[in-house]
């Protein structure tokens, strides 16, 4: 069942880092779920990831049905390295903090 405020959340590209080797080919993929929870908005995605206590994050993508699996704690540690390497000042916009 869709909601009026649903958004399409797109993985536009994968930023190079050792944590995501093998996923560089993924571009313009729809993020359909994370750890089995449907992603309805970008805020929903950040809340799912932030609240995760699972060892791994499983990210299901559409339309090809690709799956990304990342170790949650390593991902959290790698985020600052990725931001720095790509000259990105923040992991998310202020309305998602």
N, C-alpha and C. Protein backbone atom coordinates (compact mmCIF):
# COMPACT_ATOMS: atom_id res chain seq x y z
N UNK A 1 0.84 -1.18 0.00
CA UNK A 1 0.00 0.00 0.00
C UNK A 1 0.89 1.25 0.00
N UNK A 2 0.72 2.08 -0.98
CA UNK A 2 1.53 3.29 -1.07
C UNK A 2 0.89 4.42 -0.28
N UNK A 3 1.72 5.32 0.19
CA UNK A 3 1.26 6.48 0.94
C UNK A 3 1.50 7.73 0.11
N UNK A 4 0.75 8.79 0.35
CA UNK A 4 0.94 10.02 -0.42
C UNK A 4 2.33 10.63 -0.26
N UNK A 5 2.97 10.41 0.89
CA UNK A 5 4.28 11.01 1.13
C UNK A 5 5.45 10.09 0.75
N UNK A 6 5.15 8.94 0.15
CA UNK A 6 6.22 8.04 -0.29
C UNK A 6 7.12 8.75 -1.30
N UNK A 7 8.41 8.43 -1.25
CA UNK A 7 9.40 8.96 -2.18
C UNK A 7 10.16 7.79 -2.78
N UNK A 8 10.73 8.01 -3.94
CA UNK A 8 11.64 7.04 -4.51
C UNK A 8 13.04 7.42 -4.03
N UNK A 9 13.70 6.51 -3.31
CA UNK A 9 15.04 6.75 -2.82
C UNK A 9 15.99 6.03 -3.76
N UNK A 10 16.94 6.80 -4.33
CA UNK A 10 17.82 6.26 -5.36
C UNK A 10 19.27 6.27 -4.90
N UNK A 11 19.93 5.13 -5.07
CA UNK A 11 21.38 5.05 -4.91
C UNK A 11 21.95 5.52 -6.24
N UNK A 12 22.45 6.75 -6.29
CA UNK A 12 22.89 7.31 -7.57
C UNK A 12 24.26 6.80 -7.97
N UNK A 13 25.15 6.60 -6.99
CA UNK A 13 26.46 6.03 -7.26
C UNK A 13 27.09 5.55 -5.97
N UNK A 14 28.10 4.71 -6.09
CA UNK A 14 28.84 4.20 -4.94
C UNK A 14 30.18 4.91 -4.91
N UNK A 15 30.49 5.56 -3.79
CA UNK A 15 31.77 6.25 -3.65
C UNK A 15 32.85 5.25 -3.24
N UNK A 16 33.95 5.28 -3.95
CA UNK A 16 35.01 4.29 -3.77
C UNK A 16 35.56 4.26 -2.34
N UNK A 17 35.64 3.04 -1.81
CA UNK A 17 36.24 2.77 -0.51
C UNK A 17 36.37 1.26 -0.39
N UNK A 18 37.30 0.80 0.41
CA UNK A 18 37.50 -0.65 0.54
C UNK A 18 36.27 -1.38 1.09
N UNK A 19 35.42 -0.69 1.83
CA UNK A 19 34.24 -1.34 2.40
C UNK A 19 33.23 -1.74 1.33
N UNK A 20 33.22 -1.03 0.21
CA UNK A 20 32.21 -1.33 -0.80
C UNK A 20 32.79 -1.82 -2.13
N UNK A 21 33.97 -2.43 -2.06
CA UNK A 21 34.56 -3.03 -3.26
C UNK A 21 33.60 -4.08 -3.81
N UNK A 22 33.39 -4.02 -5.10
CA UNK A 22 32.48 -4.95 -5.75
C UNK A 22 31.11 -4.37 -6.01
N UNK A 23 30.86 -3.21 -5.43
CA UNK A 23 29.56 -2.56 -5.64
C UNK A 23 29.66 -1.30 -6.51
N UNK A 24 30.86 -1.03 -7.06
CA UNK A 24 31.08 0.20 -7.81
C UNK A 24 30.21 0.31 -9.05
N UNK A 25 29.75 -0.80 -9.57
CA UNK A 25 28.94 -0.81 -10.79
C UNK A 25 27.50 -0.34 -10.56
N UNK A 26 27.10 -0.23 -9.31
CA UNK A 26 25.72 0.13 -9.00
C UNK A 26 25.50 1.63 -9.19
N UNK A 27 24.63 1.98 -10.11
CA UNK A 27 24.26 3.37 -10.34
C UNK A 27 22.75 3.44 -10.58
N UNK A 28 22.16 4.51 -10.08
CA UNK A 28 20.74 4.77 -10.30
C UNK A 28 19.84 3.58 -9.98
N UNK A 29 20.05 3.02 -8.80
CA UNK A 29 19.25 1.90 -8.33
C UNK A 29 18.28 2.38 -7.25
N UNK A 30 17.07 1.88 -7.27
CA UNK A 30 16.07 2.23 -6.26
C UNK A 30 16.33 1.40 -5.00
N UNK A 31 16.41 2.07 -3.87
CA UNK A 31 16.57 1.39 -2.58
C UNK A 31 15.17 0.98 -2.13
N UNK A 32 14.89 -0.31 -2.22
CA UNK A 32 13.54 -0.77 -1.90
C UNK A 32 13.39 -1.16 -0.42
N UNK A 33 14.44 -1.75 0.17
CA UNK A 33 14.36 -2.11 1.59
C UNK A 33 15.75 -2.22 2.19
N UNK A 34 15.78 -2.08 3.52
CA UNK A 34 17.01 -2.27 4.29
C UNK A 34 16.66 -3.19 5.44
N UNK A 35 17.39 -4.30 5.54
CA UNK A 35 17.13 -5.31 6.57
C UNK A 35 15.65 -5.69 6.63
N UNK A 36 15.05 -5.82 5.45
CA UNK A 36 13.67 -6.26 5.36
C UNK A 36 12.62 -5.20 5.59
N UNK A 37 13.04 -3.98 5.90
CA UNK A 37 12.08 -2.90 6.13
C UNK A 37 11.98 -2.04 4.87
N UNK A 38 10.77 -1.83 4.41
CA UNK A 38 10.56 -1.05 3.20
C UNK A 38 11.03 0.39 3.40
N UNK A 39 11.73 0.92 2.41
CA UNK A 39 12.22 2.30 2.45
C UNK A 39 11.19 3.16 1.71
N UNK A 40 10.51 4.03 2.45
CA UNK A 40 9.46 4.87 1.88
C UNK A 40 9.93 6.29 1.59
N UNK A 41 10.93 6.75 2.36
CA UNK A 41 11.47 8.11 2.21
C UNK A 41 12.94 8.09 2.58
N UNK A 42 13.63 9.16 2.26
CA UNK A 42 15.04 9.26 2.65
C UNK A 42 15.16 9.30 4.17
N UNK A 43 14.24 9.98 4.83
CA UNK A 43 14.24 10.01 6.30
C UNK A 43 14.06 8.59 6.85
N UNK A 44 13.16 7.83 6.26
CA UNK A 44 12.93 6.44 6.67
C UNK A 44 14.22 5.64 6.54
N UNK A 45 14.94 5.81 5.44
CA UNK A 45 16.20 5.11 5.24
C UNK A 45 17.20 5.44 6.34
N UNK A 46 17.36 6.72 6.65
CA UNK A 46 18.33 7.11 7.69
C UNK A 46 17.92 6.56 9.05
N UNK A 47 16.63 6.54 9.34
CA UNK A 47 16.16 6.01 10.62
C UNK A 47 16.41 4.51 10.73
N UNK A 48 16.18 3.77 9.66
CA UNK A 48 16.43 2.33 9.67
C UNK A 48 17.91 2.06 9.91
N UNK A 49 18.77 2.76 9.18
CA UNK A 49 20.22 2.54 9.31
C UNK A 49 20.70 2.95 10.70
N UNK A 50 20.28 4.10 11.16
CA UNK A 50 20.71 4.58 12.48
C UNK A 50 20.27 3.65 13.61
N UNK A 51 19.09 3.07 13.49
CA UNK A 51 18.55 2.21 14.54
C UNK A 51 19.04 0.77 14.46
N UNK A 52 19.69 0.42 13.38
CA UNK A 52 20.08 -0.98 13.19
C UNK A 52 21.08 -1.45 14.23
N UNK A 53 20.77 -2.59 14.82
CA UNK A 53 21.69 -3.25 15.76
C UNK A 53 22.15 -4.59 15.17
N UNK A 54 21.77 -4.81 13.92
CA UNK A 54 22.19 -6.03 13.22
C UNK A 54 23.66 -5.94 12.87
N UNK A 55 24.32 -7.08 12.76
CA UNK A 55 25.73 -7.10 12.39
C UNK A 55 25.93 -6.60 10.96
N UNK A 56 24.97 -6.92 10.09
CA UNK A 56 25.06 -6.53 8.69
C UNK A 56 23.85 -5.71 8.28
N UNK A 57 24.08 -4.81 7.32
CA UNK A 57 22.99 -4.11 6.67
C UNK A 57 22.79 -4.77 5.31
N UNK A 58 21.57 -5.20 5.06
CA UNK A 58 21.22 -5.77 3.75
C UNK A 58 20.36 -4.73 3.05
N UNK A 59 20.85 -4.26 1.92
CA UNK A 59 20.15 -3.24 1.16
C UNK A 59 19.68 -3.87 -0.14
N UNK A 60 18.37 -3.94 -0.31
CA UNK A 60 17.78 -4.52 -1.51
C UNK A 60 17.47 -3.40 -2.50
N UNK A 61 17.92 -3.61 -3.73
CA UNK A 61 17.79 -2.60 -4.77
C UNK A 61 16.87 -3.09 -5.88
N UNK A 62 16.27 -2.15 -6.57
CA UNK A 62 15.43 -2.46 -7.73
C UNK A 62 15.94 -1.60 -8.89
N UNK A 63 15.70 -1.92 -10.10
CA UNK A 63 14.79 -2.96 -10.55
C UNK A 63 15.45 -4.31 -10.82
N UNK A 64 16.78 -4.40 -10.79
CA UNK A 64 17.44 -5.66 -11.12
C UNK A 64 17.52 -6.65 -9.96
N UNK A 65 17.10 -6.26 -8.78
CA UNK A 65 17.13 -7.18 -7.64
C UNK A 65 18.51 -7.36 -7.03
N UNK A 66 19.40 -6.40 -7.24
CA UNK A 66 20.73 -6.47 -6.64
C UNK A 66 20.61 -6.34 -5.13
N UNK A 67 21.57 -6.92 -4.42
CA UNK A 67 21.61 -6.85 -2.96
C UNK A 67 23.00 -6.39 -2.54
N UNK A 68 23.04 -5.42 -1.64
CA UNK A 68 24.29 -4.94 -1.06
C UNK A 68 24.29 -5.36 0.40
N UNK A 69 25.39 -5.96 0.85
CA UNK A 69 25.53 -6.35 2.25
C UNK A 69 26.80 -5.73 2.78
N UNK A 70 26.66 -4.94 3.83
CA UNK A 70 27.79 -4.25 4.45
C UNK A 70 27.77 -4.51 5.95
N UNK A 71 28.95 -4.63 6.54
CA UNK A 71 29.02 -4.80 7.99
C UNK A 71 28.71 -3.44 8.64
N UNK A 72 27.73 -3.43 9.49
CA UNK A 72 27.20 -2.19 10.05
C UNK A 72 28.25 -1.35 10.76
N UNK A 73 29.00 -1.94 11.67
CA UNK A 73 29.99 -1.17 12.42
C UNK A 73 31.12 -0.66 11.52
N UNK A 74 31.54 -1.46 10.56
CA UNK A 74 32.57 -1.02 9.61
C UNK A 74 32.06 0.12 8.75
N UNK A 75 30.80 0.05 8.37
CA UNK A 75 30.20 1.12 7.57
C UNK A 75 30.19 2.43 8.35
N UNK A 76 29.80 2.36 9.60
CA UNK A 76 29.76 3.57 10.43
C UNK A 76 31.17 4.17 10.58
N UNK A 77 32.15 3.31 10.73
CA UNK A 77 33.54 3.78 10.86
C UNK A 77 34.04 4.36 9.54
N UNK A 78 33.69 3.74 8.43
CA UNK A 78 34.19 4.15 7.11
C UNK A 78 33.55 5.43 6.59
N UNK A 79 32.41 5.79 7.10
CA UNK A 79 31.69 6.95 6.57
C UNK A 79 32.53 8.21 6.57
N UNK A 80 33.20 8.52 7.67
CA UNK A 80 34.04 9.73 7.72
C UNK A 80 35.20 9.66 6.73
N UNK A 81 35.80 8.49 6.56
CA UNK A 81 36.87 8.33 5.57
C UNK A 81 36.36 8.60 4.16
N UNK A 82 35.18 8.08 3.86
CA UNK A 82 34.58 8.25 2.54
C UNK A 82 34.27 9.72 2.29
N UNK A 83 33.67 10.38 3.27
CA UNK A 83 33.36 11.80 3.13
C UNK A 83 34.62 12.61 2.89
N UNK A 84 35.65 12.36 3.67
CA UNK A 84 36.91 13.09 3.53
C UNK A 84 37.56 12.84 2.17
N UNK A 85 37.62 11.60 1.75
CA UNK A 85 38.26 11.25 0.47
C UNK A 85 37.57 11.89 -0.72
N UNK A 86 36.29 12.17 -0.59
CA UNK A 86 35.52 12.73 -1.71
C UNK A 86 35.12 14.19 -1.49
N UNK A 87 35.77 14.83 -0.49
CA UNK A 87 35.53 16.25 -0.20
C UNK A 87 34.05 16.57 0.02
N UNK A 88 33.39 15.74 0.80
CA UNK A 88 31.98 15.94 1.13
C UNK A 88 31.92 16.39 2.59
N UNK A 89 31.24 17.49 2.84
CA UNK A 89 31.27 18.08 4.18
C UNK A 89 30.36 17.39 5.20
N UNK A 90 29.31 16.72 4.74
CA UNK A 90 28.38 16.11 5.67
C UNK A 90 27.76 14.86 5.06
N UNK A 91 27.46 13.88 5.92
CA UNK A 91 26.87 12.64 5.44
C UNK A 91 25.41 12.82 5.04
N UNK A 92 24.77 13.84 5.56
CA UNK A 92 23.35 14.07 5.23
C UNK A 92 23.01 15.53 5.45
N UNK A 93 21.92 15.94 4.85
CA UNK A 93 21.48 17.31 5.00
C UNK A 93 20.95 17.56 6.41
N UNK A 94 20.90 18.82 6.79
CA UNK A 94 20.53 19.17 8.16
C UNK A 94 19.13 18.71 8.54
N UNK A 95 18.22 18.57 7.59
CA UNK A 95 16.87 18.13 7.93
C UNK A 95 16.80 16.63 8.23
N UNK A 96 17.91 15.90 8.00
CA UNK A 96 17.94 14.46 8.29
C UNK A 96 18.83 14.12 9.46
N UNK A 97 19.37 15.14 10.12
CA UNK A 97 20.27 14.90 11.26
C UNK A 97 19.45 14.64 12.50
